[in-house]
C-alpha atoms as a PDB file:
ATOM      1  CA  MET A   1      -3.913  32.348  36.197  1.00  0.00           C
ATOM      2  CA  ASN A   2      -5.640  35.443  37.632  1.00  0.00           C
ATOM      3  CA  ARG A   3      -6.625  36.714  34.176  1.00  0.00           C
ATOM      4  CA  THR A   4      -7.901  33.305  33.160  1.00  0.00           C
ATOM      5  CA  ALA A   5      -9.944  32.971  36.343  1.00  0.00           C
ATOM      6  CA  LEU A   6     -11.349  36.481  35.845  1.00  0.00           C
ATOM      7  CA  ALA A   7     -12.318  35.712  32.244  1.00  0.00           C
ATOM      8  CA  VAL A   8     -14.043  32.491  33.312  1.00  0.00           C
ATOM      9  CA  ALA A   9     -15.897  34.298  36.113  1.00  0.00           C
ATOM     10  CA  VAL A  10     -17.093  37.075  33.791  1.00  0.00           C
ATOM     11  CA  ALA A  11     -18.236  34.541  31.177  1.00  0.00           C
ATOM     12  CA  ALA A  12     -20.091  32.522  33.818  1.00  0.00           C
ATOM     13  CA  LEU A  13     -21.841  35.599  35.217  1.00  0.00           C
ATOM     14  CA  ALA A  14     -22.859  36.784  31.744  1.00  0.00           C
ATOM     15  CA  ALA A  15     -24.139  33.343  30.733  1.00  0.00           C
ATOM     16  CA  LEU A  16     -26.078  32.643  33.948  1.00  0.00           C
ATOM     17  CA  PRO A  17     -29.462  34.079  32.811  1.00  0.00           C
ATOM     18  CA  PHE A  18     -29.388  31.852  29.730  1.00  0.00           C
ATOM     19  CA  VAL A  19     -28.948  28.607  31.672  1.00  0.00           C
ATOM     20  CA  ALA A  20     -30.798  29.266  34.947  1.00  0.00           C
ATOM     21  CA  GLY A  21     -34.339  30.050  36.026  1.00  0.00           C
ATOM     22  CA  ASP A  22     -35.614  33.217  37.687  1.00  0.00           C
ATOM     23  CA  TYR A  23     -35.014  31.852  41.198  1.00  0.00           C
ATOM     24  CA  TYR A  24     -31.300  31.387  40.628  1.00  0.00           C
ATOM     25  CA  ILE A  25     -31.037  34.663  38.728  1.00  0.00           C
ATOM     26  CA  ASN A  26     -32.582  36.501  41.682  1.00  0.00           C
ATOM     27  CA  LEU A  27     -30.243  34.636  44.019  1.00  0.00           C
ATOM     28  CA  ALA A  28     -27.282  35.753  41.926  1.00  0.00           C
ATOM     29  CA  SER A  29     -28.526  39.360  42.098  1.00  0.00           C
ATOM     30  CA  GLN A  30     -28.613  39.115  45.894  1.00  0.00           C
ATOM     31  CA  ILE A  31     -25.065  37.766  45.926  1.00  0.00           C
ATOM     32  CA  LEU A  32     -23.839  40.657  43.766  1.00  0.00           C
ATOM     33  CA  ILE A  33     -25.486  43.209  46.063  1.00  0.00           C
ATOM     34  CA  ALA A  34     -24.077  41.539  49.171  1.00  0.00           C
ATOM     35  CA  ALA A  35     -20.645  41.282  47.541  1.00  0.00           C
ATOM     36  CA  LEU A  36     -20.548  45.033  46.849  1.00  0.00           C
ATOM     37  CA  PHE A  37     -21.685  45.694  50.420  1.00  0.00           C
ATOM     38  CA  ALA A  38     -18.914  43.442  51.746  1.00  0.00           C
ATOM     39  CA  LEU A  39     -16.293  45.050  49.486  1.00  0.00           C
ATOM     40  CA  SER A  40     -17.209  48.472  50.872  1.00  0.00           C
ATOM     41  CA  LEU A  41     -16.634  47.245  54.436  1.00  0.00           C
ATOM     42  CA  ASN A  42     -13.429  45.521  53.324  1.00  0.00           C
ATOM     43  CA  LEU A  43     -11.911  48.948  52.631  1.00  0.00           C
ATOM     44  CA  LEU A  44     -12.116  49.588  56.359  1.00  0.00           C
ATOM     45  CA  VAL A  45     -11.516  46.123  57.781  1.00  0.00           C
ATOM     46  CA  GLY A  46      -9.108  44.587  55.282  1.00  0.00           C
ATOM     47  CA  TYR A  47      -7.125  47.552  54.023  1.00  0.00           C
ATOM     48  CA  GLY A  48      -7.495  49.985  56.901  1.00  0.00           C
ATOM     49  CA  GLY A  49      -7.509  47.618  59.880  1.00  0.00           C
ATOM     50  CA  LEU A  50     -10.638  49.306  61.290  1.00  0.00           C
ATOM     51  CA  THR A  51     -13.350  46.855  62.321  1.00  0.00           C
ATOM     52  CA  SER A  52     -16.845  48.347  62.164  1.00  0.00           C
ATOM     53  CA  LEU A  53     -20.082  46.946  63.560  1.00  0.00           C
ATOM     54  CA  GLY A  54     -22.336  49.669  62.204  1.00  0.00           C
ATOM     55  CA  HIS A  55     -21.744  49.470  58.482  1.00  0.00           C
ATOM     56  CA  ALA A  56     -25.333  48.463  57.711  1.00  0.00           C
ATOM     57  CA  ALA A  57     -26.340  52.008  58.644  1.00  0.00           C
ATOM     58  CA  TYR A  58     -25.021  53.374  55.342  1.00  0.00           C
ATOM     59  CA  MET A  59     -26.765  50.788  53.225  1.00  0.00           C
ATOM     60  CA  GLY A  60     -30.012  51.276  55.130  1.00  0.00           C
ATOM     61  CA  VAL A  61     -29.940  55.081  55.150  1.00  0.00           C
ATOM     62  CA  SER A  62     -29.269  55.185  51.413  1.00  0.00           C
ATOM     63  CA  ALA A  63     -32.229  52.886  50.812  1.00  0.00           C
ATOM     64  CA  TYR A  64     -34.479  54.916  53.111  1.00  0.00           C
ATOM     65  CA  ILE A  65     -33.553  58.266  51.552  1.00  0.00           C
ATOM     66  CA  SER A  66     -34.186  56.921  48.067  1.00  0.00           C
ATOM     67  CA  GLY A  67     -37.504  55.356  49.088  1.00  0.00           C
ATOM     68  CA  TRP A  68     -38.668  58.421  51.012  1.00  0.00           C
ATOM     69  CA  LEU A  69     -37.833  60.834  48.191  1.00  0.00           C
ATOM     70  CA  PHE A  70     -39.668  58.592  45.723  1.00  0.00           C
ATOM     71  CA  LEU A  71     -42.778  57.993  47.849  1.00  0.00           C
ATOM     72  CA  LYS A  72     -43.159  61.219  49.817  1.00  0.00           C
ATOM     73  CA  LEU A  73     -41.792  63.847  47.441  1.00  0.00           C
ATOM     74  CA  GLY A  74     -42.563  62.090  44.183  1.00  0.00           C
ATOM     75  CA  LEU A  75     -39.029  62.408  42.836  1.00  0.00           C
ATOM     76  CA  GLY A  76     -37.949  60.053  40.085  1.00  0.00           C
ATOM     77  CA  HIS A  77     -35.083  57.630  40.553  1.00  0.00           C
ATOM     78  CA  LEU A  78     -32.831  59.826  38.414  1.00  0.00           C
ATOM     79  CA  LEU A  79     -32.934  62.494  41.137  1.00  0.00           C
ATOM     80  CA  ALA A  80     -33.544  60.304  44.181  1.00  0.00           C
ATOM     81  CA  ALA A  81     -30.503  58.066  43.608  1.00  0.00           C
ATOM     82  CA  PRO A  82     -27.790  60.797  43.562  1.00  0.00           C
ATOM     83  CA  LEU A  83     -29.471  62.602  46.470  1.00  0.00           C
ATOM     84  CA  ALA A  84     -29.472  59.359  48.468  1.00  0.00           C
ATOM     85  CA  LEU A  85     -25.791  58.794  47.685  1.00  0.00           C
ATOM     86  CA  ALA A  86     -24.908  62.384  48.587  1.00  0.00           C
ATOM     87  CA  GLY A  87     -26.897  62.310  51.837  1.00  0.00           C
ATOM     88  CA  THR A  88     -25.426  58.989  52.943  1.00  0.00           C
ATOM     89  CA  THR A  89     -21.881  60.068  52.062  1.00  0.00           C
ATOM     90  CA  LEU A  90     -22.376  63.255  54.080  1.00  0.00           C
ATOM     91  CA  MET A  91     -23.571  61.159  57.005  1.00  0.00           C
ATOM     92  CA  ALA A  92     -20.471  58.967  56.682  1.00  0.00           C
ATOM     93  CA  ALA A  93     -18.323  62.121  56.687  1.00  0.00           C
ATOM     94  CA  LEU A  94     -19.956  63.287  59.936  1.00  0.00           C
ATOM     95  CA  PHE A  95     -19.817  59.850  61.562  1.00  0.00           C
ATOM     96  CA  GLY A  96     -16.159  59.547  60.597  1.00  0.00           C
ATOM     97  CA  LEU A  97     -15.330  62.667  62.592  1.00  0.00           C
ATOM     98  CA  VAL A  98     -16.757  60.942  65.670  1.00  0.00           C
ATOM     99  CA  ALA A  99     -15.658  57.336  65.128  1.00  0.00           C
ATOM    100  CA  LEU A 100     -12.061  58.061  64.133  1.00  0.00           C
ATOM    101  CA  ARG A 101     -11.371  59.773  67.428  1.00  0.00           C
ATOM    102  CA  ALA A 102     -10.624  56.217  68.564  1.00  0.00           C
ATOM    103  CA  SER A 103      -9.208  52.972  67.177  1.00  0.00           C
ATOM    104  CA  GLY A 104      -9.367  49.265  67.934  1.00  0.00           C
ATOM    105  CA  ILE A 105     -12.200  48.109  70.198  1.00  0.00           C
ATOM    106  CA  SER A 106     -13.197  51.708  70.931  1.00  0.00           C
ATOM    107  CA  PHE A 107     -13.708  52.376  67.217  1.00  0.00           C
ATOM    108  CA  LEU A 108     -15.788  49.209  66.945  1.00  0.00           C
ATOM    109  CA  MET A 109     -18.000  50.252  69.873  1.00  0.00           C
ATOM    110  CA  ILE A 110     -18.507  53.779  68.507  1.00  0.00           C
ATOM    111  CA  THR A 111     -19.589  52.458  65.094  1.00  0.00           C
ATOM    112  CA  LEU A 112     -21.896  50.003  66.839  1.00  0.00           C
ATOM    113  CA  ALA A 113     -23.452  52.802  68.875  1.00  0.00           C
ATOM    114  CA  LEU A 114     -23.946  55.057  65.851  1.00  0.00           C
ATOM    115  CA  GLY A 115     -25.535  52.220  63.907  1.00  0.00           C
ATOM    116  CA  GLN A 116     -27.893  51.399  66.775  1.00  0.00           C
ATOM    117  CA  VAL A 117     -28.947  55.050  67.050  1.00  0.00           C
ATOM    118  CA  LEU A 118     -30.011  55.035  63.396  1.00  0.00           C
ATOM    119  CA  TRP A 119     -31.719  51.673  63.821  1.00  0.00           C
ATOM    120  CA  GLY A 120     -33.724  53.114  66.729  1.00  0.00           C
ATOM    121  CA  LEU A 121     -34.629  56.198  64.698  1.00  0.00           C
ATOM    122  CA  ALA A 122     -35.846  54.019  61.849  1.00  0.00           C
ATOM    123  CA  PHE A 123     -38.232  52.266  64.238  1.00  0.00           C
ATOM    124  CA  ARG A 124     -39.412  55.368  66.140  1.00  0.00           C
ATOM    125  CA  TRP A 125     -39.559  58.088  63.457  1.00  0.00           C
ATOM    126  CA  VAL A 126     -42.801  56.746  62.062  1.00  0.00           C
ATOM    127  CA  SER A 127     -43.702  59.872  60.085  1.00  0.00           C
ATOM    128  CA  VAL A 128     -40.604  59.397  57.932  1.00  0.00           C
ATOM    129  CA  THR A 129     -39.789  55.691  57.985  1.00  0.00           C
ATOM    130  CA  ASN A 130     -43.286  54.265  58.619  1.00  0.00           C
ATOM    131  CA  GLY A 131     -41.819  52.470  61.622  1.00  0.00           C
ATOM    132  CA  ASP A 132     -41.993  48.702  61.794  1.00  0.00           C
ATOM    133  CA  ASN A 133     -44.124  48.613  58.637  1.00  0.00           C
ATOM    134  CA  GLY A 134     -41.267  49.978  56.546  1.00  0.00           C
ATOM    135  CA  LEU A 135     -41.578  51.747  53.210  1.00  0.00           C
ATOM    136  CA  SER A 136     -43.367  49.750  50.537  1.00  0.00           C
ATOM    137  CA  GLY A 137     -44.814  50.448  47.125  1.00  0.00           C
ATOM    138  CA  LEU A 138     -41.426  51.251  45.603  1.00  0.00           C
ATOM    139  CA  THR A 139     -40.522  50.568  41.994  1.00  0.00           C
ATOM    140  CA  ARG A 140     -37.338  49.864  40.099  1.00  0.00           C
ATOM    141  CA  PRO A 141     -35.736  52.509  37.887  1.00  0.00           C
ATOM    142  CA  MET A 142     -35.908  52.399  34.098  1.00  0.00           C
ATOM    143  CA  PRO A 143     -32.474  53.461  32.842  1.00  0.00           C
ATOM    144  CA  PHE A 144     -32.591  54.461  29.167  1.00  0.00           C
ATOM    145  CA  GLY A 145     -36.186  53.218  29.111  1.00  0.00           C
ATOM    146  CA  ILE A 146     -35.200  49.636  29.976  1.00  0.00           C
ATOM    147  CA  ASP A 147     -37.741  47.875  32.197  1.00  0.00           C
ATOM    148  CA  LEU A 148     -35.951  46.272  35.160  1.00  0.00           C
ATOM    149  CA  SER A 149     -39.012  44.547  36.613  1.00  0.00           C
ATOM    150  CA  GLY A 150     -37.888  41.196  35.199  1.00  0.00           C
ATOM    151  CA  ALA A 151     -35.281  39.047  36.940  1.00  0.00           C
ATOM    152  CA  THR A 152     -32.893  38.928  33.961  1.00  0.00           C
ATOM    153  CA  ALA A 153     -32.936  42.667  33.221  1.00  0.00           C
ATOM    154  CA  PHE A 154     -32.365  43.568  36.854  1.00  0.00           C
ATOM    155  CA  TYR A 155     -29.571  40.979  37.132  1.00  0.00           C
ATOM    156  CA  PHE A 156     -27.647  42.565  34.257  1.00  0.00           C
ATOM    157  CA  PHE A 157     -28.236  46.025  35.734  1.00  0.00           C
ATOM    158  CA  THR A 158     -26.897  44.828  39.093  1.00  0.00           C
ATOM    159  CA  LEU A 159     -23.976  43.094  37.398  1.00  0.00           C
ATOM    160  CA  ILE A 160     -22.954  46.252  35.523  1.00  0.00           C
ATOM    161  CA  VAL A 161     -23.211  48.484  38.604  1.00  0.00           C
ATOM    162  CA  SER A 162     -21.405  45.952  40.805  1.00  0.00           C
ATOM    163  CA  ALA A 163     -18.638  45.391  38.259  1.00  0.00           C
ATOM    164  CA  ALA A 164     -18.064  49.134  37.794  1.00  0.00           C
ATOM    165  CA  SER A 165     -18.078  49.677  41.563  1.00  0.00           C
ATOM    166  CA  THR A 166     -15.675  46.784  42.130  1.00  0.00           C
ATOM    167  CA  ALA A 167     -13.326  48.208  39.508  1.00  0.00           C
ATOM    168  CA  CYS A 168     -13.331  51.555  41.319  1.00  0.00           C
ATOM    169  CA  ILE A 169     -12.706  49.890  44.683  1.00  0.00           C
ATOM    170  CA  ALA A 170      -9.864  47.840  43.154  1.00  0.00           C
ATOM    171  CA  ALA A 171      -8.331  50.977  41.649  1.00  0.00           C
ATOM    172  CA  LEU A 172      -8.404  52.620  45.071  1.00  0.00           C
ATOM    173  CA  ALA A 173      -7.023  49.572  46.874  1.00  0.00           C
ATOM    174  CA  TYR A 174      -4.084  49.140  44.485  1.00  0.00           C
ATOM    175  CA  SER A 175      -3.292  52.825  44.046  1.00  0.00           C
ATOM    176  CA  ALA A 176      -0.629  54.795  45.889  1.00  0.00           C
ATOM    177  CA  PHE A 177      -3.346  55.828  48.325  1.00  0.00           C
ATOM    178  CA  GLY A 178      -4.152  52.157  48.933  1.00  0.00           C
ATOM    179  CA  ALA A 179      -0.494  51.425  49.661  1.00  0.00           C
ATOM    180  CA  VAL A 180      -0.452  54.241  52.218  1.00  0.00           C
ATOM    181  CA  LEU A 181      -3.698  52.920  53.702  1.00  0.00           C
ATOM    182  CA  ARG A 182      -2.191  49.464  54.171  1.00  0.00           C
ATOM    183  CA  GLY A 183       0.828  51.129  55.734  1.00  0.00           C
ATOM    184  CA  THR A 184      -1.389  52.888  58.278  1.00  0.00           C
ATOM    185  CA  ARG A 185      -2.942  49.513  59.049  1.00  0.00           C
ATOM    186  CA  ASP A 186       0.391  47.753  59.669  1.00  0.00           C
ATOM    187  CA  GLN A 187       2.691  50.520  60.918  1.00  0.00           C
ATOM    188  CA  PRO A 188       0.732  53.692  61.781  1.00  0.00           C
ATOM    189  CA  ARG A 189       3.559  55.251  63.802  1.00  0.00           C
ATOM    190  CA  ARG A 190       6.085  54.659  61.049  1.00  0.00           C
ATOM    191  CA  MET A 191       3.741  56.147  58.441  1.00  0.00           C
ATOM    192  CA  LEU A 192       3.248  59.165  60.687  1.00  0.00           C
ATOM    193  CA  ALA A 193       7.006  59.541  61.012  1.00  0.00           C
ATOM    194  CA  LEU A 194       7.309  59.417  57.214  1.00  0.00           C
ATOM    195  CA  GLY A 195       5.038  62.451  56.973  1.00  0.00           C
ATOM    196  CA  HIS A 196       1.699  60.814  56.113  1.00  0.00           C
ATOM    197  CA  ASN A 197      -1.471  62.107  57.728  1.00  0.00           C
ATOM    198  CA  VAL A 198      -2.725  58.810  59.176  1.00  0.00           C
ATOM    199  CA  TRP A 199      -6.018  60.269  60.420  1.00  0.00           C
ATOM    200  CA  LEU A 200      -6.849  61.860  57.065  1.00  0.00           C
ATOM    201  CA  VAL A 201      -6.084  58.649  55.162  1.00  0.00           C
ATOM    202  CA  ARG A 202      -8.396  56.701  57.466  1.00  0.00           C
ATOM    203  CA  TYR A 203     -11.059  59.389  57.282  1.00  0.00           C
ATOM    204  CA  LEU A 204     -11.127  59.417  53.478  1.00  0.00           C
ATOM    205  CA  THR A 205     -11.343  55.618  53.525  1.00  0.00           C
ATOM    206  CA  PHE A 206     -14.208  55.759  56.019  1.00  0.00           C
ATOM    207  CA  VAL A 207     -16.151  58.150  53.779  1.00  0.00           C
ATOM    208  CA  SER A 208     -15.382  56.079  50.684  1.00  0.00           C
ATOM    209  CA  ALA A 209     -16.603  52.910  52.419  1.00  0.00           C
ATOM    210  CA  GLY A 210     -19.829  54.722  53.324  1.00  0.00           C
ATOM    211  CA  PHE A 211     -20.333  55.790  49.715  1.00  0.00           C
ATOM    212  CA  TRP A 212     -19.952  52.305  48.263  1.00  0.00           C
ATOM    213  CA  ALA A 213     -22.229  50.902  50.970  1.00  0.00           C
ATOM    214  CA  ALA A 214     -24.755  53.510  49.857  1.00  0.00           C
ATOM    215  CA  VAL A 215     -24.498  52.223  46.281  1.00  0.00           C
ATOM    216  CA  SER A 216     -25.253  48.716  47.520  1.00  0.00           C
ATOM    217  CA  GLY A 217     -28.177  50.189  49.477  1.00  0.00           C
ATOM    218  CA  LEU A 218     -29.710  51.538  46.282  1.00  0.00           C
ATOM    219  CA  LEU A 219     -29.394  48.132  44.630  1.00  0.00           C
ATOM    220  CA  TYR A 220     -30.857  46.557  47.771  1.00  0.00           C
ATOM    221  CA  VAL A 221     -33.967  48.731  47.781  1.00  0.00           C
ATOM    222  CA  TYR A 222     -34.404  48.383  44.005  1.00  0.00           C
ATOM    223  CA  TYR A 223     -34.284  44.602  44.343  1.00  0.00           C
ATOM    224  CA  HIS A 224     -36.685  44.280  47.276  1.00  0.00           C
ATOM    225  CA  LYS A 225     -38.836  47.336  46.433  1.00  0.00           C
ATOM    226  CA  PHE A 226     -39.214  47.621  50.210  1.00  0.00           C
ATOM    227  CA  ILE A 227     -37.076  48.818  53.104  1.00  0.00           C
ATOM    228  CA  HIS A 228     -37.447  47.901  56.793  1.00  0.00           C
ATOM    229  CA  PRO A 229     -35.570  49.192  59.875  1.00  0.00           C
ATOM    230  CA  GLN A 230     -33.972  45.776  60.250  1.00  0.00           C
ATOM    231  CA  ALA A 231     -31.771  46.623  57.265  1.00  0.00           C
ATOM    232  CA  LEU A 232     -29.884  49.016  59.555  1.00  0.00           C
ATOM    233  CA  GLY A 233     -29.701  46.530  62.438  1.00  0.00           C
ATOM    234  CA  LEU A 234     -26.775  44.909  64.188  1.00  0.00           C
ATOM    235  CA  THR A 235     -27.549  41.557  62.581  1.00  0.00           C
ATOM    236  CA  ASN A 236     -26.986  42.982  59.116  1.00  0.00           C
ATOM    237  CA  SER A 237     -23.736  44.663  60.194  1.00  0.00           C
ATOM    238  CA  ALA A 238     -22.472  41.459  61.798  1.00  0.00           C
ATOM    239  CA  GLU A 239     -23.468  39.462  58.730  1.00  0.00           C
ATOM    240  CA  VAL A 240     -21.438  41.609  56.332  1.00  0.00           C
ATOM    241  CA  LEU A 241     -18.474  41.551  58.718  1.00  0.00           C
ATOM    242  CA  LEU A 242     -18.713  37.756  58.677  1.00  0.00           C
ATOM    243  CA  MET A 243     -18.614  37.821  54.868  1.00  0.00           C
ATOM    244  CA  VAL A 244     -15.403  39.839  54.883  1.00  0.00           C
ATOM    245  CA  ILE A 245     -13.622  37.782  57.539  1.00  0.00           C
ATOM    246  CA  ALA A 246     -14.740  34.383  56.241  1.00  0.00           C
ATOM    247  CA  GLY A 247     -13.822  35.129  52.631  1.00  0.00           C
ATOM    248  CA  GLY A 248     -10.535  36.843  53.428  1.00  0.00           C
ATOM    249  CA  SER A 249     -10.154  40.484  54.407  1.00  0.00           C
ATOM    250  CA  GLY A 250      -7.652  42.593  52.537  1.00  0.00           C
ATOM    251  CA  THR A 251      -8.396  40.855  49.240  1.00  0.00           C
ATOM    252  CA  LEU A 252     -10.872  41.654  46.475  1.00  0.00           C
ATOM    253  CA  VAL A 253     -12.105  38.122  45.871  1.00  0.00           C
ATOM    254  CA  GLY A 254     -12.433  37.211  49.553  1.00  0.00           C
ATOM    255  CA  PRO A 255     -15.466  39.360  50.436  1.00  0.00           C
ATOM    256  CA  VAL A 256     -17.197  38.220  47.227  1.00  0.00           C
ATOM    257  CA  ALA A 257     -16.685  34.569  48.196  1.00  0.00           C
ATOM    258  CA  GLY A 258     -17.837  35.299  51.746  1.00  0.00           C
ATOM    259  CA  ALA A 259     -20.956  37.027  50.430  1.00  0.00           C
ATOM    260  CA  ALA A 260     -21.750  34.053  48.200  1.00  0.00           C
ATOM    261  CA  ILE A 261     -21.409  31.636  51.128  1.00  0.00           C
ATOM    262  CA  VAL A 262     -23.637  33.625  53.472  1.00  0.00           C
ATOM    263  CA  VAL A 263     -26.323  34.412  50.870  1.00  0.00           C
ATOM    264  CA  LEU A 264     -26.474  30.816  49.657  1.00  0.00           C
ATOM    265  CA  LEU A 265     -26.764  29.478  53.201  1.00  0.00           C
ATOM    266  CA  LYS A 266     -29.363  32.101  54.075  1.00  0.00           C
ATOM    267  CA  ASN A 267     -31.567  31.765  50.995  1.00  0.00           C
ATOM    268  CA  TYR A 268     -30.932  28.316  49.532  1.00  0.00           C
ATOM    269  CA  VAL A 269     -29.660  25.944  52.202  1.00  0.00           C
ATOM    270  CA  SER A 270     -32.193  27.309  54.717  1.00  0.00           C
ATOM    271  CA  ALA A 271     -34.947  25.716  52.605  1.00  0.00           C
ATOM    272  CA  TYR A 272     -33.493  22.278  53.347  1.00  0.00           C
ATOM    273  CA  VAL A 273     -31.771  22.791  56.708  1.00  0.00           C
ATOM    274  CA  GLU A 274     -33.937  24.222  59.477  1.00  0.00           C
ATOM    275  CA  ARG A 275     -31.008  25.318  61.659  1.00  0.00           C
ATOM    276  CA  TRP A 276     -29.023  26.905  58.861  1.00  0.00           C
ATOM    277  CA  THR A 277     -27.547  29.508  61.220  1.00  0.00           C
ATOM    278  CA  MET A 278     -25.893  26.694  63.139  1.00  0.00           C
ATOM    279  CA  LEU A 279     -24.473  25.376  59.861  1.00  0.00           C
ATOM    280  CA  LEU A 280     -23.192  28.876  59.095  1.00  0.00           C
ATOM    281  CA  GLY A 281     -21.515  28.906  62.494  1.00  0.00           C
ATOM    282  CA  PHE A 282     -19.806  25.582  61.781  1.00  0.00           C
ATOM    283  CA  VAL A 283     -18.629  26.826  58.366  1.00  0.00           C
ATOM    284  CA  PHE A 284     -17.208  29.972  59.916  1.00  0.00           C
ATOM    285  CA  LEU A 285     -15.580  27.970  62.713  1.00  0.00           C
ATOM    286  CA  ALA A 286     -13.946  25.625  60.191  1.00  0.00           C
ATOM    287  CA  ILE A 287     -12.593  28.576  58.196  1.00  0.00           C
ATOM    288  CA  VAL A 288     -11.181  30.227  61.314  1.00  0.00           C
ATOM    289  CA  LEU A 289      -9.540  26.994  62.513  1.00  0.00           C
ATOM    290  CA  PHE A 290      -8.063  25.788  59.236  1.00  0.00           C
ATOM    291  CA  MET A 291      -7.786  29.008  57.211  1.00  0.00           C
ATOM    292  CA  PRO A 292      -7.451  31.800  59.775  1.00  0.00           C
ATOM    293  CA  ASP A 293      -6.667  34.414  57.121  1.00  0.00           C
ATOM    294  CA  GLY A 294      -9.870  33.575  55.200  1.00  0.00           C
ATOM    295  CA  LEU A 295     -11.163  31.147  52.615  1.00  0.00           C
ATOM    296  CA  VAL A 296      -9.648  32.709  49.494  1.00  0.00           C
ATOM    297  CA  PRO A 297      -6.108  33.250  50.902  1.00  0.00           C
ATOM    298  CA  GLY A 298      -6.247  29.752  52.390  1.00  0.00           C
ATOM    299  CA  LEU A 299      -7.253  28.121  49.107  1.00  0.00           C
ATOM    300  CA  ARG A 300      -4.608  30.126  47.259  1.00  0.00           C
ATOM    301  CA  ARG A 301      -1.959  28.886  49.695  1.00  0.00           C
ATOM    302  CA  LEU A 302      -3.086  25.281  49.213  1.00  0.00           C
ATOM    303  CA  TRP A 303      -3.050  25.717  45.429  1.00  0.00           C
ATOM    304  CA  VAL A 304       0.527  26.980  45.495  1.00  0.00           C
ATOM    305  CA  LYS A 305       1.537  24.190  47.865  1.00  0.00           C
ATOM    306  CA  PHE A 306       0.173  21.335  45.749  1.00  0.00           C
ATOM    307  CA  PHE A 307       0.346  22.718  42.204  1.00  0.00           C
ATOM    308  CA  GLY A 308       3.079  25.334  42.369  1.00  0.00           C
ATOM    309  CA  ALA A 309       2.918  29.072  41.828  1.00  0.00           C
ATOM    310  CA  ARG A 310       2.890  28.767  38.035  1.00  0.00           C
ATOM    311  CA  ALA A 311       0.098  26.175  37.839  1.00  0.00           C
END
């Protein structure tokens, strides 16, 4: 069933530009970017048991570094992109040394504080970030000479990058390292007694989550061709955490489903429902009440209950 569902999903994603207009293609690109962002946080929340409220910092910093290098130093995307990824990953490595001195609510508060510091810098460091005006005038890259200014071309670019990134995240999650990571989430003392370095496993996961968030940040700034301090804000961090929890943390499909729900409510339903945030709250409340482990695990449980495991 999983292979069939995957094949259907891939076929649907590939066929979308041929059956939908630019609006829906752009909406799908936003969902893919948000899904990758949510999957990066899921490494911490779902597999590591570490809830972060500052994850938007990595997406935002990656976007800012790329935009600044392009606008201020005149570097092409071929150089700006890897430098942005390297700089953001280094920042995640430094932040991890601070944040992982604690766990639980203390870890959450430290990540929140670090994220808010960067958000404040983005607003105040006008000479670098242009303050509340943000960085504008950016362009999209042209890999192999392919123009990504059109909705369809950029959608396929985003789809390829997101699919490759998701495959790498899946390989990590289902590797021996991923099994150890889940062990540190469920039984950290037992894993320590078995000889595993719990702190190091969490630290490497923290850095990895920062890297994949940085990848989503590059896609984000390429899509919008603009970056604003709000991208690093608490709202963005809370939004991606909502995607992970609502869809089902600790799964690969869950954060993708959560991202689709939030992006659709934010960009599509909001055109018809003025108080769409209230609707989002009701959706989240319903998921928590009736499917406390998330939408995807809940639907899977109902499927097995009514149709059997082999259906």
